[in-house]
Amino acid sequence: MISFRLSEDEYESLISVCENEGARSVSDLARDAVHRLIGRSPQIEVEIALRALEGRVDTLDLQIRRLSMTVDQSPLRQVRQINGRT
């Protein structure tokens, strides 16, 4: 058994990767990652880097959506919409 701590953002990113990869659980994803690292080849390293990058892009997308919702709900934006300005 292996145990380690993650920040909330890291954990959210990990859950996102699980969903994208179709993993049943974080444990399954971690086990698969360990198996890949043990048999690491240059192509696998590229795949790992791409998956990590994909996870970061997904995290950025989520943060952009949250920021967009915050901006759309801001009082100043609502006043401008009422006055016919965006």
PDB file of N, CA and C in Angstrom:
ATOM      1  N   MET A   1       0.845  -1.175   0.000  1.00  0.00           N
ATOM      2  CA  MET A   1       0.000   0.000   0.000  1.00  0.00           C
ATOM      3  C   MET A   1       0.887   1.233   0.000  1.00  0.00           C
ATOM      4  N   ILE A   2       0.503   2.219  -0.821  1.00  0.00           N
ATOM      5  CA  ILE A   2       1.239   3.482  -0.909  1.00  0.00           C
ATOM      6  C   ILE A   2       0.255   4.600  -0.606  1.00  0.00           C
ATOM      7  N   SER A   3       0.720   5.564   0.176  1.00  0.00           N
ATOM      8  CA  SER A   3      -0.146   6.684   0.548  1.00  0.00           C
ATOM      9  C   SER A   3       0.619   7.983   0.351  1.00  0.00           C
ATOM     10  N   PHE A   4      -0.051   9.015  -0.181  1.00  0.00           N
ATOM     11  CA  PHE A   4       0.552  10.333  -0.296  1.00  0.00           C
ATOM     12  C   PHE A   4      -0.537  11.393  -0.299  1.00  0.00           C
ATOM     13  N   ARG A   5      -0.150  12.618   0.019  1.00  0.00           N
ATOM     14  CA  ARG A   5      -1.104  13.717   0.129  1.00  0.00           C
ATOM     15  C   ARG A   5      -1.131  14.531  -1.162  1.00  0.00           C
ATOM     16  N   LEU A   6      -2.335  15.066  -1.470  1.00  0.00           N
ATOM     17  CA  LEU A   6      -2.522  15.945  -2.613  1.00  0.00           C
ATOM     18  C   LEU A   6      -3.258  17.197  -2.149  1.00  0.00           C
ATOM     19  N   SER A   7      -2.998  18.301  -2.832  1.00  0.00           N
ATOM     20  CA  SER A   7      -3.789  19.505  -2.562  1.00  0.00           C
ATOM     21  C   SER A   7      -5.188  19.273  -3.159  1.00  0.00           C
ATOM     22  N   GLU A   8      -6.131  20.132  -2.812  1.00  0.00           N
ATOM     23  CA  GLU A   8      -7.483  19.993  -3.370  1.00  0.00           C
ATOM     24  C   GLU A   8      -7.454  20.121  -4.885  1.00  0.00           C
ATOM     25  N   ASP A   9      -6.663  21.072  -5.416  1.00  0.00           N
ATOM     26  CA  ASP A   9      -6.559  21.255  -6.863  1.00  0.00           C
ATOM     27  C   ASP A   9      -5.949  20.025  -7.533  1.00  0.00           C
ATOM     28  N   GLU A  10      -4.913  19.468  -6.909  1.00  0.00           N
ATOM     29  CA  GLU A  10      -4.291  18.269  -7.463  1.00  0.00           C
ATOM     30  C   GLU A  10      -5.287  17.110  -7.477  1.00  0.00           C
ATOM     31  N   TYR A  11      -6.064  16.976  -6.402  1.00  0.00           N
ATOM     32  CA  TYR A  11      -7.043  15.900  -6.323  1.00  0.00           C
ATOM     33  C   TYR A  11      -8.130  16.077  -7.380  1.00  0.00           C
ATOM     34  N   GLU A  12      -8.611  17.313  -7.574  1.00  0.00           N
ATOM     35  CA  GLU A  12      -9.606  17.572  -8.612  1.00  0.00           C
ATOM     36  C   GLU A  12      -9.052  17.218  -9.987  1.00  0.00           C
ATOM     37  N   SER A  13      -7.796  17.575 -10.220  1.00  0.00           N
ATOM     38  CA  SER A  13      -7.159  17.241 -11.499  1.00  0.00           C
ATOM     39  C   SER A  13      -7.055  15.731 -11.669  1.00  0.00           C
ATOM     40  N   LEU A  14      -6.721  15.041 -10.586  1.00  0.00           N
ATOM     41  CA  LEU A  14      -6.608  13.585 -10.633  1.00  0.00           C
ATOM     42  C   LEU A  14      -7.963  12.942 -10.941  1.00  0.00           C
ATOM     43  N   ILE A  15      -9.014  13.438 -10.332  1.00  0.00           N
ATOM     44  CA  ILE A  15     -10.358  12.925 -10.603  1.00  0.00           C
ATOM     45  C   ILE A  15     -10.716  13.170 -12.062  1.00  0.00           C
ATOM     46  N   SER A  16     -10.357  14.338 -12.581  1.00  0.00           N
ATOM     47  CA  SER A  16     -10.615  14.656 -13.989  1.00  0.00           C
ATOM     48  C   SER A  16      -9.882  13.678 -14.907  1.00  0.00           C
ATOM     49  N   VAL A  17      -8.636  13.374 -14.561  1.00  0.00           N
ATOM     50  CA  VAL A  17      -7.868  12.405 -15.355  1.00  0.00           C
ATOM     51  C   VAL A  17      -8.532  11.037 -15.291  1.00  0.00           C
ATOM     52  N   CYS A  18      -8.999  10.639 -14.122  1.00  0.00           N
ATOM     53  CA  CYS A  18      -9.694   9.347 -13.975  1.00  0.00           C
ATOM     54  C   CYS A  18     -10.889   9.275 -14.916  1.00  0.00           C
ATOM     55  N   GLU A  19     -11.676  10.350 -14.937  1.00  0.00           N
ATOM     56  CA  GLU A  19     -12.857  10.376 -15.795  1.00  0.00           C
ATOM     57  C   GLU A  19     -12.465  10.320 -17.267  1.00  0.00           C
ATOM     58  N   ASN A  20     -11.435  11.091 -17.647  1.00  0.00           N
ATOM     59  CA  ASN A  20     -10.985  11.118 -19.046  1.00  0.00           C
ATOM     60  C   ASN A  20     -10.414   9.788 -19.499  1.00  0.00           C
ATOM     61  N   GLU A  21      -9.759   9.095 -18.581  1.00  0.00           N
ATOM     62  CA  GLU A  21      -9.130   7.815 -18.912  1.00  0.00           C
ATOM     63  C   GLU A  21     -10.090   6.637 -18.765  1.00  0.00           C
ATOM     64  N   GLY A  22     -11.243   6.880 -18.155  1.00  0.00           N
ATOM     65  CA  GLY A  22     -12.204   5.800 -17.945  1.00  0.00           C
ATOM     66  C   GLY A  22     -11.817   4.874 -16.804  1.00  0.00           C
ATOM     67  N   ALA A  23     -10.971   5.363 -15.903  1.00  0.00           N
ATOM     68  CA  ALA A  23     -10.560   4.553 -14.751  1.00  0.00           C
ATOM     69  C   ALA A  23     -11.721   4.437 -13.774  1.00  0.00           C
ATOM     70  N   ARG A  24     -11.848   3.272 -13.149  1.00  0.00           N
ATOM     71  CA  ARG A  24     -12.929   3.055 -12.185  1.00  0.00           C
ATOM     72  C   ARG A  24     -12.684   3.768 -10.874  1.00  0.00           C
ATOM     73  N   SER A  25     -11.419   4.008 -10.558  1.00  0.00           N
ATOM     74  CA  SER A  25     -11.083   4.655  -9.294  1.00  0.00           C
ATOM     75  C   SER A  25      -9.689   5.266  -9.395  1.00  0.00           C
ATOM     76  N   VAL A  26      -9.355   6.068  -8.402  1.00  0.00           N
ATOM     77  CA  VAL A  26      -8.013   6.649  -8.325  1.00  0.00           C
ATOM     78  C   VAL A  26      -6.982   5.528  -8.185  1.00  0.00           C
ATOM     79  N   SER A  27      -7.337   4.490  -7.413  1.00  0.00           N
ATOM     80  CA  SER A  27      -6.414   3.361  -7.230  1.00  0.00           C
ATOM     81  C   SER A  27      -6.095   2.673  -8.553  1.00  0.00           C
ATOM     82  N   ASP A  28      -7.120   2.461  -9.383  1.00  0.00           N
ATOM     83  CA  ASP A  28      -6.891   1.837 -10.692  1.00  0.00           C
ATOM     84  C   ASP A  28      -5.989   2.704 -11.562  1.00  0.00           C
ATOM     85  N   LEU A  29      -6.239   4.007 -11.534  1.00  0.00           N
ATOM     86  CA  LEU A  29      -5.413   4.918 -12.324  1.00  0.00           C
ATOM     87  C   LEU A  29      -3.967   4.889 -11.834  1.00  0.00           C
ATOM     88  N   ALA A  30      -3.768   4.930 -10.521  1.00  0.00           N
ATOM     89  CA  ALA A  30      -2.417   4.908  -9.950  1.00  0.00           C
ATOM     90  C   ALA A  30      -1.703   3.594 -10.283  1.00  0.00           C
ATOM     91  N   ARG A  31      -2.423   2.489 -10.171  1.00  0.00           N
ATOM     92  CA  ARG A  31      -1.837   1.183 -10.491  1.00  0.00           C
ATOM     93  C   ARG A  31      -1.397   1.140 -11.955  1.00  0.00           C
ATOM     94  N   ASP A  32      -2.255   1.647 -12.847  1.00  0.00           N
ATOM     95  CA  ASP A  32      -1.924   1.683 -14.274  1.00  0.00           C
ATOM     96  C   ASP A  32      -0.697   2.558 -14.527  1.00  0.00           C
ATOM     97  N   ALA A  33      -0.636   3.698 -13.827  1.00  0.00           N
ATOM     98  CA  ALA A  33       0.510   4.598 -13.988  1.00  0.00           C
ATOM     99  C   ALA A  33       1.808   3.923 -13.533  1.00  0.00           C
ATOM    100  N   VAL A  34       1.751   3.197 -12.437  1.00  0.00           N
ATOM    101  CA  VAL A  34       2.942   2.492 -11.944  1.00  0.00           C
ATOM    102  C   VAL A  34       3.381   1.431 -12.952  1.00  0.00           C
ATOM    103  N   HIS A  35       2.431   0.700 -13.496  1.00  0.00           N
ATOM    104  CA  HIS A  35       2.774  -0.312 -14.505  1.00  0.00           C
ATOM    105  C   HIS A  35       3.439   0.329 -15.724  1.00  0.00           C
ATOM    106  N   ARG A  36       2.936   1.488 -16.127  1.00  0.00           N
ATOM    107  CA  ARG A  36       3.538   2.183 -17.270  1.00  0.00           C
ATOM    108  C   ARG A  36       4.949   2.648 -16.948  1.00  0.00           C
ATOM    109  N   LEU A  37       5.162   3.136 -15.721  1.00  0.00           N
ATOM    110  CA  LEU A  37       6.486   3.620 -15.341  1.00  0.00           C
ATOM    111  C   LEU A  37       7.506   2.493 -15.254  1.00  0.00           C
ATOM    112  N   ILE A  38       7.067   1.346 -14.805  1.00  0.00           N
ATOM    113  CA  ILE A  38       7.977   0.202 -14.689  1.00  0.00           C
ATOM    114  C   ILE A  38       8.471  -0.229 -16.064  1.00  0.00           C
ATOM    115  N   GLY A  39       7.587  -0.244 -17.036  1.00  0.00           N
ATOM    116  CA  GLY A  39       7.957  -0.642 -18.397  1.00  0.00           C
ATOM    117  C   GLY A  39       8.163   0.552 -19.298  1.00  0.00           C
ATOM    118  N   ARG A  40       8.678   1.646 -18.760  1.00  0.00           N
ATOM    119  CA  ARG A  40       8.785   2.914 -19.479  1.00  0.00           C
ATOM    120  C   ARG A  40       9.640   2.796 -20.747  1.00  0.00           C
ATOM    121  N   SER A  41       9.098   3.339 -21.826  1.00  0.00           N
ATOM    122  CA  SER A  41       9.835   3.461 -23.085  1.00  0.00           C
ATOM    123  C   SER A  41       9.692   4.915 -23.536  1.00  0.00           C
ATOM    124  N   PRO A  42      10.468   5.352 -24.531  1.00  0.00           N
ATOM    125  CA  PRO A  42      10.349   6.747 -24.980  1.00  0.00           C
ATOM    126  C   PRO A  42       8.918   7.109 -25.407  1.00  0.00           C
ATOM    127  N   GLN A  43       8.232   6.194 -26.067  1.00  0.00           N
ATOM    128  CA  GLN A  43       6.867   6.485 -26.495  1.00  0.00           C
ATOM    129  C   GLN A  43       5.935   6.621 -25.291  1.00  0.00           C
ATOM    130  N   ILE A  44       6.145   5.789 -24.291  1.00  0.00           N
ATOM    131  CA  ILE A  44       5.323   5.876 -23.083  1.00  0.00           C
ATOM    132  C   ILE A  44       5.579   7.205 -22.377  1.00  0.00           C
ATOM    133  N   GLU A  45       6.833   7.667 -22.379  1.00  0.00           N
ATOM    134  CA  GLU A  45       7.141   8.958 -21.758  1.00  0.00           C
ATOM    135  C   GLU A  45       6.388  10.081 -22.460  1.00  0.00           C
ATOM    136  N   VAL A  46       6.288  10.013 -23.778  1.00  0.00           N
ATOM    137  CA  VAL A  46       5.542  11.013 -24.531  1.00  0.00           C
ATOM    138  C   VAL A  46       4.057  10.919 -24.176  1.00  0.00           C
ATOM    139  N   GLU A  47       3.528   9.707 -24.088  1.00  0.00           N
ATOM    140  CA  GLU A  47       2.122   9.521 -23.722  1.00  0.00           C
ATOM    141  C   GLU A  47       1.846  10.079 -22.324  1.00  0.00           C
ATOM    142  N   ILE A  48       2.753   9.838 -21.403  1.00  0.00           N
ATOM    143  CA  ILE A  48       2.592  10.344 -20.035  1.00  0.00           C
ATOM    144  C   ILE A  48       2.593  11.875 -20.048  1.00  0.00           C
ATOM    145  N   ALA A  49       3.527  12.458 -20.788  1.00  0.00           N
ATOM    146  CA  ALA A  49       3.606  13.919 -20.868  1.00  0.00           C
ATOM    147  C   ALA A  49       2.339  14.496 -21.493  1.00  0.00           C
ATOM    148  N   LEU A  50       1.835  13.838 -22.530  1.00  0.00           N
ATOM    149  CA  LEU A  50       0.611  14.311 -23.172  1.00  0.00           C
ATOM    150  C   LEU A  50      -0.586  14.210 -22.235  1.00  0.00           C
ATOM    151  N   ARG A  51      -0.681  13.133 -21.491  1.00  0.00           N
ATOM    152  CA  ARG A  51      -1.788  12.987 -20.533  1.00  0.00           C
ATOM    153  C   ARG A  51      -1.706  14.028 -19.430  1.00  0.00           C
ATOM    154  N   ALA A  52      -0.494  14.285 -18.968  1.00  0.00           N
ATOM    155  CA  ALA A  52      -0.324  15.317 -17.935  1.00  0.00           C
ATOM    156  C   ALA A  52      -0.728  16.675 -18.489  1.00  0.00           C
ATOM    157  N   LEU A  53      -0.321  16.959 -19.718  1.00  0.00           N
ATOM    158  CA  LEU A  53      -0.681  18.212 -20.356  1.00  0.00           C
ATOM    159  C   LEU A  53      -2.193  18.299 -20.552  1.00  0.00           C
ATOM    160  N   GLU A  54      -2.804  17.215 -20.946  1.00  0.00           N
ATOM    161  CA  GLU A  54      -4.257  17.181 -21.122  1.00  0.00           C
ATOM    162  C   GLU A  54      -4.967  17.474 -19.793  1.00  0.00           C
ATOM    163  N   GLY A  55      -4.453  16.902 -18.715  1.00  0.00           N
ATOM    164  CA  GLY A  55      -5.023  17.161 -17.400  1.00  0.00           C
ATOM    165  C   GLY A  55      -4.904  18.624 -17.013  1.00  0.00           C
ATOM    166  N   ARG A  56      -3.771  19.226 -17.329  1.00  0.00           N
ATOM    167  CA  ARG A  56      -3.583  20.645 -17.013  1.00  0.00           C
ATOM    168  C   ARG A  56      -4.507  21.516 -17.853  1.00  0.00           C
ATOM    169  N   VAL A  57      -4.697  21.148 -19.131  1.00  0.00           N
ATOM    170  CA  VAL A  57      -5.608  21.895 -19.995  1.00  0.00           C
ATOM    171  C   VAL A  57      -7.037  21.772 -19.466  1.00  0.00           C
ATOM    172  N   ASP A  58      -7.422  20.577 -19.039  1.00  0.00           N
ATOM    173  CA  ASP A  58      -8.758  20.382 -18.458  1.00  0.00           C
ATOM    174  C   ASP A  58      -8.942  21.240 -17.217  1.00  0.00           C
ATOM    175  N   THR A  59      -7.916  21.319 -16.382  1.00  0.00           N
ATOM    176  CA  THR A  59      -7.978  22.141 -15.182  1.00  0.00           C
ATOM    177  C   THR A  59      -8.113  23.621 -15.552  1.00  0.00           C
ATOM    178  N   LEU A  60      -7.336  24.065 -16.539  1.00  0.00           N
ATOM    179  CA  LEU A  60      -7.444  25.456 -16.994  1.00  0.00           C
ATOM    180  C   LEU A  60      -8.834  25.745 -17.558  1.00  0.00           C
ATOM    181  N   ASP A  61      -9.374  24.796 -18.325  1.00  0.00           N
ATOM    182  CA  ASP A  61     -10.716  24.958 -18.879  1.00  0.00           C
ATOM    183  C   ASP A  61     -11.741  25.136 -17.764  1.00  0.00           C
ATOM    184  N   LEU A  62     -11.639  24.321 -16.740  1.00  0.00           N
ATOM    185  CA  LEU A  62     -12.553  24.420 -15.603  1.00  0.00           C
ATOM    186  C   LEU A  62     -12.417  25.774 -14.910  1.00  0.00           C
ATOM    187  N   GLN A  63     -11.199  26.226 -14.724  1.00  0.00           N
ATOM    188  CA  GLN A  63     -10.982  27.517 -14.068  1.00  0.00           C
ATOM    189  C   GLN A  63     -11.509  28.667 -14.924  1.00  0.00           C
ATOM    190  N   ILE A  64     -11.340  28.587 -16.230  1.00  0.00           N
ATOM    191  CA  ILE A  64     -11.850  29.624 -17.133  1.00  0.00           C
ATOM    192  C   ILE A  64     -13.372  29.663 -17.081  1.00  0.00           C
ATOM    193  N   ARG A  65     -14.006  28.485 -17.051  1.00  0.00           N
ATOM    194  CA  ARG A  65     -15.468  28.445 -16.960  1.00  0.00           C
ATOM    195  C   ARG A  65     -15.949  29.084 -15.653  1.00  0.00           C
ATOM    196  N   ARG A  66     -15.256  28.775 -14.563  1.00  0.00           N
ATOM    197  CA  ARG A  66     -15.630  29.361 -13.267  1.00  0.00           C
ATOM    198  C   ARG A  66     -15.469  30.878 -13.298  1.00  0.00           C
ATOM    199  N   LEU A  67     -14.362  31.358 -13.857  1.00  0.00           N
ATOM    200  CA  LEU A  67     -14.142  32.797 -13.945  1.00  0.00           C
ATOM    201  C   LEU A  67     -15.189  33.458 -14.829  1.00  0.00           C
ATOM    202  N   SER A  68     -15.527  32.819 -15.921  1.00  0.00           N
ATOM    203  CA  SER A  68     -16.536  33.353 -16.827  1.00  0.00           C
ATOM    204  C   SER A  68     -17.886  33.477 -16.130  1.00  0.00           C
ATOM    205  N   MET A  69     -18.249  32.459 -15.358  1.00  0.00           N
ATOM    206  CA  MET A  69     -19.505  32.514 -14.614  1.00  0.00           C
ATOM    207  C   MET A  69     -19.469  33.641 -13.589  1.00  0.00           C
ATOM    208  N   THR A  70     -18.334  33.827 -12.938  1.00  0.00           N
ATOM    209  CA  THR A  70     -18.195  34.895 -11.954  1.00  0.00           C
ATOM    210  C   THR A  70     -18.356  36.258 -12.616  1.00  0.00           C
ATOM    211  N   VAL A  71     -17.728  36.444 -13.768  1.00  0.00           N
ATOM    212  CA  VAL A  71     -17.833  37.707 -14.497  1.00  0.00           C
ATOM    213  C   VAL A  71     -19.271  37.937 -14.951  1.00  0.00           C
ATOM    214  N   ASP A  72     -19.911  36.898 -15.480  1.00  0.00           N
ATOM    215  CA  ASP A  72     -21.296  37.021 -15.943  1.00  0.00           C
ATOM    216  C   ASP A  72     -22.250  37.369 -14.811  1.00  0.00           C
ATOM    217  N   GLN A  73     -21.925  36.983 -13.601  1.00  0.00           N
ATOM    218  CA  GLN A  73     -22.796  37.227 -12.461  1.00  0.00           C
ATOM    219  C   GLN A  73     -22.424  38.496 -11.691  1.00  0.00           C
ATOM    220  N   SER A  74     -21.403  39.216 -12.135  1.00  0.00           N
ATOM    221  CA  SER A  74     -20.957  40.400 -11.401  1.00  0.00           C
ATOM    222  C   SER A  74     -21.995  41.515 -11.510  1.00  0.00           C
ATOM    223  N   PRO A  75     -22.179  42.269 -10.438  1.00  0.00           N
ATOM    224  CA  PRO A  75     -23.160  43.370 -10.450  1.00  0.00           C
ATOM    225  C   PRO A  75     -22.876  44.403 -11.541  1.00  0.00           C
ATOM    226  N   LEU A  76     -21.607  44.749 -11.781  1.00  0.00           N
ATOM    227  CA  LEU A  76     -21.261  45.729 -12.801  1.00  0.00           C
ATOM    228  C   LEU A  76     -21.704  45.248 -14.169  1.00  0.00           C
ATOM    229  N   ARG A  77     -21.497  43.998 -14.463  1.00  0.00           N
ATOM    230  CA  ARG A  77     -21.909  43.429 -15.759  1.00  0.00           C
ATOM    231  C   ARG A  77     -23.426  43.507 -15.906  1.00  0.00           C
ATOM    232  N   GLN A  78     -24.152  43.209 -14.849  1.00  0.00           N
ATOM    233  CA  GLN A  78     -25.615  43.234 -14.897  1.00  0.00           C
ATOM    234  C   GLN A  78     -26.111  44.656 -15.137  1.00  0.00           C
ATOM    235  N   VAL A  79     -25.477  45.656 -14.487  1.00  0.00           N
ATOM    236  CA  VAL A  79     -25.871  47.052 -14.695  1.00  0.00           C
ATOM    237  C   VAL A  79     -25.600  47.470 -16.139  1.00  0.00           C
ATOM    238  N   ARG A  80     -24.454  47.072 -16.674  1.00  0.00           N
ATOM    239  CA  ARG A  80     -24.123  47.415 -18.064  1.00  0.00           C
ATOM    240  C   ARG A  80     -25.119  46.777 -19.040  1.00  0.00           C
ATOM    241  N   GLN A  81     -25.536  45.552 -18.766  1.00  0.00           N
ATOM    242  CA  GLN A  81     -26.504  44.887 -19.639  1.00  0.00           C
ATOM    243  C   GLN A  81     -27.850  45.611 -19.601  1.00  0.00           C
ATOM    244  N   ILE A  82     -28.242  46.071 -18.436  1.00  0.00           N
ATOM    245  CA  ILE A  82     -29.496  46.805 -18.302  1.00  0.00           C
ATOM    246  C   ILE A  82     -29.422  48.120 -19.086  1.00  0.00           C
ATOM    247  N   ASN A  83     -28.280  48.772 -19.060  1.00  0.00           N
ATOM    248  CA  ASN A  83     -28.091  50.051 -19.760  1.00  0.00           C
ATOM    249  C   ASN A  83     -27.759  49.875 -21.236  1.00  0.00           C
ATOM    250  N   GLY A  84     -27.727  48.652 -21.717  1.00  0.00           N
ATOM    251  CA  GLY A  84     -27.471  48.404 -23.144  1.00  0.00           C
ATOM    252  C   GLY A  84     -26.016  48.361 -23.523  1.00  0.00           C
ATOM    253  N   ARG A  85     -25.124  48.291 -22.550  1.00  0.00           N
ATOM    254  CA  ARG A  85     -23.688  48.162 -22.817  1.00  0.00           C
ATOM    255  C   ARG A  85     -23.200  46.824 -22.305  1.00  0.00           C
ATOM    256  N   THR A  86     -22.253  46.219 -23.034  1.00  0.00           N
ATOM    257  CA  THR A  86     -21.688  44.940 -22.573  1.00  0.00           C
ATOM    258  C   THR A  86     -20.278  45.096 -22.155  1.00  0.00           C
TER     259      THR A  86
END
